[in-house]
Every structure is written in C-alpha cells, then in structure tokens.
Amino acid sequence: MNPLVAIIGAGPAGAAAAIQLKRYGYSILLFEKNKIGGLLNHANLIENYLGFPLGISGVELSNKIEEQLNHSQIEVIKENVEYICFKDDFIISTTKHKYNADICIVATGVKPKELYCVPEELIEKKVFYDFCNMKNIENETIGIIGSGDAAFDYAISLSNRNSVTIFSRSIKLNAINCLIEKVKENEKITLIKDIKVINIVSYNEKILLYCLKGSRDNFVEVDKLLIAIGRQPEQPPATPAAANNKSFYLIGDLIAGSFRQCSLASASGIKIAMDIHRIIKEKESENYRGDI
C-alpha cells in the first residue's frame, strides 16, 4: 500500500508535487489556507514561463493550476495548518481537524517583511502588506514602499485605476530592467529614489508619510499605502521529531532564497515527488530481496 502524503501549500511547488505524486499513484492531502497559486495571484504579468509567449497573468496561471488539480482529482483542503508533530506518523493539526500522513511536504512559501513604523490600527485598512487586498481600489493615490520586482509589478497593476508613487530607499533599484522601463513609461506612476520613510500616521482620512530625502524632510500624503520591502520564509511550527524526520521536506520558495520564480518552485515540487517515489521503490526492492 502506497504511503499517504500531506502537502501544505498549493502554490506552484505544492501543486506540482501533488500532481506528480498522484501520477505515481499516491494518496494526497493537499492543504491551502488562501488561494490556489499562492503568490502567483499577486503577479501582474508572468513573461518568462514557458508555453505562454505573450505572457500570462498570475491569476490566469493560478486558475490553470486549479483546473489541473481538479483534472487530477486532487481535492484541496481549505484549512490553515497550525502545527505539525510526529509520533508513529505525521499529525497535521489545522484550525478544524487533525490529519495523519506518512510523508509531509511543506510548500508554504514566504510572507511579507513588516515595516516597524506602521501603526497597528492602520494595517489592512489603509496600509497593506498583501496586494490581493488592494485589487478593487480605484481612483485613489497609492504609495508603494520598495524597489524590487514585487513593488514595481504591483505599481503597474494598481496604476490601471489609480495614481501610484513608488518610494525607493536607495538610488539603485532592485527590480529587473523590463519592469523599471515599464514604470518609467507609465504616466500614472511616479518613482522617487533615495527617500526613506521614517514615520506613517493617519491624517484627515489619508496617510501621511514623514520622509527623509537626503538631509531634507518631506511630507507626502496618499490615500493608501502598500509595503513591499521583501519577503521571509513562512512555515507552520513543527516539533523536532517532525522537522528532523527523513520523510519531512521543504520545497519551493522556502528553500529558493531570493530566486523566487514559479518555474523554479514547480521544478522543486516535481523533483521532490520523484525523489520520494525513488526512495520508496528502493525500499520495496530491498524488502523484496530480503524475503527471497
């Protein structure tokens, strides 16, 4: 009887691992607390994923992943995994239930880094870390703090219905050239470099940013603020017995460092699925020889 595999996270890595393991004939428990596709849902346009010569939006690619999971008859458990432990097998504790599995793959990706000067009462009301919560905003002035691919990609998306200002702490930008050029050509996006946001306060139904540009103080007023200063690994707590188990795996953005690409994430999912299948078949072969 094939082992039962729990996969936590249905982004490109987790979904790819689930589909490959299902092809091998394994039973799958696939958990996702938010949307299938993970951070893909934030991407305005993915231009370097093979098979889509004109590019594809992150939402469209996420929808295709969901279609493929459905086609493979893999049900997604819409529950948040809170804890993982190991006794005779893995015990996956969610907000609702406990599940048992022989193998555990964690593909929970990354979460935004937080900015220390944001008042808690403004978070998810006027100040956001999650771009998905801003998709329906229109006819407002939006500030984005960050200088990487995510900040520039979000600015392009939000500029469709808003005016956007990007605040980059450094003169040197971290975004790739094609995104920088798109931002510079977009009349609805203003890019300010070498500016540091010192404080954020609510002011007359708006957000007031106290900034330093060089040695000069600046005050900038916006309706909403998106913080995109980087991301850090996010995974549910696991006991040492679980985390050190040979059948416990981390994949995708959790191990990719700064190289967060959906192609790399899906490749890591495929590879771990193939490794798991190879290990199981080798054990079966050893047991068979031992019985002769």
Protein backbone atom coordinates (compact mmCIF):
# COMPACT_ATOMS: atom_id res chain seq x y z
CA MET A 1 0.00 0.00 0.00
CA ASN A 2 1.41 3.40 -1.03
CA PRO A 3 2.10 5.98 1.70
CA LEU A 4 -0.25 8.89 2.32
CA VAL A 5 1.43 12.22 1.52
CA ALA A 6 0.43 15.53 3.13
CA ILE A 7 1.39 18.65 1.18
CA ILE A 8 0.98 22.02 2.89
CA GLY A 9 0.59 24.84 0.39
CA ALA A 10 -0.98 24.78 -3.09
CA GLY A 11 1.28 27.25 -4.86
CA PRO A 12 3.37 26.12 -7.87
CA ALA A 13 5.66 23.92 -5.71
CA GLY A 14 2.97 22.17 -3.68
CA ALA A 15 0.61 21.75 -6.63
CA ALA A 16 3.38 20.33 -8.86
CA ALA A 17 4.41 17.84 -6.16
CA ALA A 18 0.78 16.80 -5.65
CA ILE A 19 0.15 16.25 -9.36
CA GLN A 20 3.37 14.27 -9.86
CA LEU A 21 2.77 12.08 -6.81
CA LYS A 22 -0.82 11.45 -7.88
CA ARG A 23 0.52 10.26 -11.25
CA TYR A 24 2.63 7.74 -9.33
CA GLY A 25 -0.50 6.51 -7.56
CA TYR A 26 -0.07 8.05 -4.10
CA SER A 27 -2.93 9.38 -1.99
CA ILE A 28 -2.64 13.11 -1.35
CA LEU A 29 -3.75 15.53 1.35
CA LEU A 30 -3.22 19.00 -0.12
CA PHE A 31 -3.77 21.97 2.22
CA GLU A 32 -4.17 25.62 1.24
CA LYS A 33 -5.37 28.34 3.62
CA ASN A 34 -5.73 31.05 0.98
CA LYS A 35 -5.90 30.91 -2.82
CA ILE A 36 -4.51 28.17 -5.02
CA GLY A 37 -1.43 29.52 -6.76
CA GLY A 38 -0.09 31.40 -3.74
CA LEU A 39 1.91 34.50 -4.69
CA LEU A 40 1.12 33.95 -8.36
CA ASN A 41 -2.18 35.70 -7.63
CA HIS A 42 -0.20 38.90 -6.99
CA ALA A 43 1.65 38.92 -10.32
CA ASN A 44 0.52 41.37 -12.98
CA LEU A 45 2.16 39.52 -15.90
CA ILE A 46 4.45 36.48 -15.95
CA GLU A 47 6.59 36.74 -19.07
CA ASN A 48 9.23 34.03 -18.53
CA TYR A 49 7.08 30.93 -18.00
CA LEU A 50 7.43 28.58 -20.97
CA GLY A 51 4.34 27.94 -23.07
CA PHE A 52 2.91 31.46 -22.85
CA PRO A 53 4.74 33.55 -25.49
CA LEU A 54 2.64 36.65 -24.77
CA GLY A 55 2.88 36.18 -21.01
CA ILE A 56 0.09 35.25 -18.64
CA SER A 57 -1.35 37.00 -15.60
CA GLY A 58 -0.75 35.45 -12.21
CA VAL A 59 -4.48 34.98 -11.66
CA GLU A 60 -4.88 33.18 -15.00
CA LEU A 61 -1.96 30.84 -14.26
CA SER A 62 -3.38 30.14 -10.79
CA ASN A 63 -6.72 29.27 -12.39
CA LYS A 64 -4.96 26.85 -14.73
CA ILE A 65 -3.22 25.21 -11.75
CA GLU A 66 -6.60 24.78 -10.07
CA GLU A 67 -8.02 23.26 -13.28
CA GLN A 68 -5.13 20.80 -13.41
CA LEU A 69 -5.59 19.80 -9.77
CA ASN A 70 -9.28 19.20 -10.47
CA HIS A 71 -8.42 17.19 -13.57
CA SER A 72 -6.04 15.07 -11.46
CA GLN A 73 -8.86 14.60 -8.91
CA ILE A 74 -6.83 16.21 -6.15
CA GLU A 75 -9.06 17.85 -3.57
CA VAL A 76 -7.70 20.95 -1.86
CA ILE A 77 -8.39 21.12 1.88
CA LYS A 78 -9.12 24.80 2.60
CA GLU A 79 -7.78 24.82 6.15
CA ASN A 80 -4.89 26.58 7.87
CA VAL A 81 -2.23 24.21 9.19
CA GLU A 82 -1.23 25.37 12.66
CA TYR A 83 1.15 22.64 13.85
CA ILE A 84 2.98 19.51 12.71
CA CYS A 85 4.17 16.77 15.05
CA PHE A 86 5.34 13.19 14.65
CA LYS A 87 4.66 10.07 16.70
CA ASP A 88 4.07 6.91 14.71
CA ASP A 89 3.31 9.12 11.72
CA PHE A 90 2.88 12.82 10.97
CA ILE A 91 -0.01 14.58 12.68
CA ILE A 92 -1.13 17.69 10.81
CA SER A 93 -3.21 19.96 13.05
CA THR A 94 -5.39 22.58 11.36
CA THR A 95 -7.86 25.08 12.75
CA LYS A 96 -10.58 22.45 12.31
CA HIS A 97 -9.18 18.91 12.34
CA LYS A 98 -6.17 16.63 12.77
CA TYR A 99 -4.88 14.58 9.85
CA ASN A 100 -2.39 11.72 9.72
CA ALA A 101 0.15 11.16 6.97
CA ASP A 102 3.23 9.04 6.28
CA ILE A 103 5.12 11.80 4.44
CA CYS A 104 4.94 15.57 4.92
CA ILE A 105 5.91 18.20 2.34
CA VAL A 106 5.84 21.87 3.34
CA ALA A 107 5.41 24.36 0.50
CA THR A 108 4.04 27.36 2.37
CA GLY A 109 6.28 29.92 0.68
CA VAL A 110 7.04 33.34 2.09
CA LYS A 111 5.29 36.20 3.85
CA PRO A 112 5.92 39.97 3.65
CA LYS A 113 8.53 41.64 5.81
CA GLU A 114 6.90 44.21 8.05
CA LEU A 115 7.82 47.85 8.48
CA TYR A 116 8.39 48.83 12.10
CA CYS A 117 6.73 52.28 11.90
CA VAL A 118 3.24 51.20 10.79
CA PRO A 119 0.50 51.83 13.39
CA GLU A 120 -1.36 48.58 14.00
CA GLU A 121 -4.77 50.24 13.62
CA LEU A 122 -3.98 51.15 10.00
CA ILE A 123 -2.98 47.67 8.81
CA GLU A 124 -5.38 46.21 6.22
CA LYS A 125 -7.45 49.43 6.40
CA LYS A 126 -5.15 51.99 4.85
CA VAL A 127 -1.78 50.25 4.98
CA PHE A 128 -1.39 46.88 3.28
CA TYR A 129 1.17 44.11 3.05
CA ASP A 130 -0.96 41.89 0.81
CA PHE A 131 -1.50 43.19 -2.72
CA CYS A 132 -4.56 40.97 -3.21
CA ASN A 133 -6.46 43.10 -0.68
CA MET A 134 -5.99 46.17 -2.90
CA LYS A 135 -7.16 44.86 -6.26
CA ASN A 136 -10.57 46.57 -6.10
CA ILE A 137 -9.23 50.01 -5.12
CA GLU A 138 -9.78 52.71 -7.74
CA ASN A 139 -9.46 56.47 -8.20
CA GLU A 140 -7.06 56.85 -5.26
CA THR A 141 -3.46 57.89 -4.73
CA ILE A 142 -1.39 54.89 -3.66
CA GLY A 143 2.11 54.84 -2.22
CA ILE A 144 4.32 51.76 -2.52
CA ILE A 145 7.44 51.35 -0.40
CA GLY A 146 10.02 49.09 -2.08
CA SER A 147 12.41 48.90 -5.01
CA GLY A 148 12.22 45.26 -6.10
CA ASP A 149 10.28 43.30 -8.70
CA ALA A 150 7.22 42.97 -6.47
CA ALA A 151 6.94 46.72 -5.78
CA PHE A 152 7.23 47.58 -9.48
CA ASP A 153 4.87 44.83 -10.61
CA TYR A 154 2.25 45.93 -8.04
CA ALA A 155 2.64 49.54 -9.17
CA ILE A 156 1.90 48.57 -12.77
CA SER A 157 -1.21 46.64 -11.74
CA LEU A 158 -2.54 49.38 -9.44
CA SER A 159 -1.88 52.14 -11.98
CA ASN A 160 -4.69 50.81 -14.18
CA ARG A 161 -7.22 52.56 -11.94
CA ASN A 162 -5.13 54.73 -9.61
CA SER A 163 -2.17 57.10 -9.45
CA VAL A 164 0.86 55.46 -7.83
CA THR A 165 4.08 56.69 -6.23
CA ILE A 166 6.97 54.28 -5.57
CA PHE A 167 9.29 55.18 -2.68
CA SER A 168 12.74 53.59 -3.10
CA ARG A 169 15.15 53.88 -0.20
CA SER A 170 18.18 53.52 -2.44
CA ILE A 171 19.28 55.13 -5.68
CA LYS A 172 19.99 51.71 -7.17
CA LEU A 173 16.80 49.83 -7.98
CA ASN A 174 16.48 46.08 -7.37
CA ALA A 175 13.76 45.45 -9.97
CA ILE A 176 14.63 43.91 -13.32
CA ASN A 177 15.12 46.30 -16.26
CA CYS A 178 11.91 45.46 -18.12
CA LEU A 179 9.80 46.37 -15.07
CA ILE A 180 11.79 49.56 -14.48
CA GLU A 181 11.24 50.63 -18.08
CA LYS A 182 7.51 49.93 -17.87
CA VAL A 183 7.26 52.04 -14.71
CA LYS A 184 9.24 54.92 -16.25
CA GLU A 185 6.98 54.90 -19.32
CA ASN A 186 3.79 54.88 -17.23
CA GLU A 187 2.46 58.41 -16.73
CA LYS A 188 0.38 57.30 -13.75
CA ILE A 189 3.43 56.13 -11.77
CA THR A 190 5.89 58.43 -10.03
CA LEU A 191 9.22 56.94 -8.94
CA ILE A 192 11.10 58.65 -6.09
CA LYS A 193 14.59 57.30 -5.34
CA ASP A 194 16.87 57.88 -2.36
CA ILE A 195 13.97 58.52 0.01
CA LYS A 196 13.48 56.94 3.42
CA VAL A 197 10.07 56.66 5.09
CA ILE A 198 10.57 57.48 8.77
CA ASN A 199 7.03 57.54 10.10
CA ILE A 200 3.47 56.78 8.99
CA VAL A 201 0.38 58.40 10.53
CA SER A 202 -3.30 58.75 9.75
CA TYR A 203 -4.22 62.30 8.78
CA ASN A 204 -7.63 63.61 7.61
CA GLU A 205 -8.75 60.21 6.27
CA LYS A 206 -5.45 59.86 4.46
CA ILE A 207 -1.95 58.52 5.18
CA LEU A 208 0.81 61.00 5.89
CA LEU A 209 4.35 59.78 5.27
CA TYR A 210 7.20 61.57 7.00
CA CYS A 211 10.24 61.01 4.79
CA LEU A 212 13.89 61.93 4.53
CA LYS A 213 15.33 62.65 1.10
CA GLY A 214 18.98 63.35 1.54
CA SER A 215 19.13 65.70 4.51
CA ARG A 216 15.73 67.27 3.83
CA ASP A 217 12.42 66.44 5.49
CA ASN A 218 9.48 65.62 3.24
CA PHE A 219 5.80 65.01 3.92
CA VAL A 220 3.85 63.01 1.37
CA GLU A 221 0.11 62.37 1.51
CA VAL A 222 -1.52 59.27 -0.01
CA ASP A 223 -4.88 57.52 0.27
CA LYS A 224 -3.48 54.01 0.68
CA LEU A 225 -0.05 52.51 1.23
CA LEU A 226 1.38 49.15 0.11
CA ILE A 227 4.58 47.88 1.71
CA ALA A 228 6.74 45.66 -0.50
CA ILE A 229 10.18 45.66 1.16
CA GLY A 230 10.86 41.94 0.80
CA ARG A 231 9.62 38.60 1.99
CA GLN A 232 10.70 35.96 4.51
CA PRO A 233 10.01 32.21 4.87
CA GLU A 234 6.69 31.23 6.39
CA GLN A 235 6.03 27.72 7.61
CA PRO A 236 3.87 26.16 10.33
CA PRO A 237 5.66 25.18 13.56
CA ALA A 238 6.91 21.61 13.66
CA THR A 239 8.25 19.58 16.56
CA PRO A 240 11.90 18.45 16.31
CA ALA A 241 10.66 14.88 15.82
CA ALA A 242 8.72 16.05 12.76
CA ALA A 243 11.21 18.54 11.34
CA ASN A 244 14.15 16.12 11.63
CA ASN A 245 12.27 13.16 10.17
CA LYS A 246 13.61 11.75 6.89
CA SER A 247 10.11 11.98 5.42
CA PHE A 248 9.75 15.72 6.11
CA TYR A 249 10.54 18.00 3.16
CA LEU A 250 10.69 21.75 2.48
CA ILE A 251 10.25 22.91 -1.12
CA GLY A 252 9.56 25.97 -3.25
CA ASP A 253 10.20 29.50 -2.02
CA LEU A 254 11.06 28.17 1.45
CA ILE A 255 14.38 26.99 0.05
CA ALA A 256 14.78 29.18 -3.04
CA GLY A 257 16.18 32.20 -1.20
CA SER A 258 15.90 35.32 -3.34
CA PHE A 259 15.30 33.28 -6.52
CA ARG A 260 11.52 33.29 -6.28
CA GLN A 261 10.30 32.12 -9.67
CA CYS A 262 7.24 29.97 -10.34
CA SER A 263 9.27 27.79 -12.73
CA LEU A 264 11.84 27.03 -10.01
CA ALA A 265 9.09 26.39 -7.46
CA SER A 266 7.23 23.94 -9.69
CA ALA A 267 10.52 22.23 -10.59
CA SER A 268 11.32 21.72 -6.90
CA GLY A 269 7.88 20.15 -6.43
CA ILE A 270 8.42 17.74 -9.32
CA LYS A 271 11.91 16.83 -8.10
CA ILE A 272 10.85 16.08 -4.53
CA ALA A 273 8.00 13.93 -5.82
CA MET A 274 10.42 11.96 -7.98
CA ASP A 275 12.88 11.61 -5.08
CA ILE A 276 10.14 10.34 -2.76
CA HIS A 277 8.98 7.79 -5.34
CA ARG A 278 12.56 6.61 -5.97
CA ILE A 279 13.25 6.16 -2.23
CA ILE A 280 10.04 4.19 -1.71
CA LYS A 281 10.73 1.93 -4.69
CA GLU A 282 14.29 1.29 -3.50
CA LYS A 283 12.98 0.26 -0.06
CA GLU A 284 10.41 -2.01 -1.67
CA SER A 285 13.15 -3.60 -3.77
CA GLU A 286 15.36 -4.15 -0.71
CA ASN A 287 12.48 -5.71 1.22
CA TYR A 288 11.70 -7.96 -1.74
CA ARG A 289 15.30 -9.19 -1.95
CA GLY A 290 15.29 -9.76 1.79
CA ASP A 291 12.26 -12.03 1.51
CA ILE A 292 13.85 -14.26 -1.10
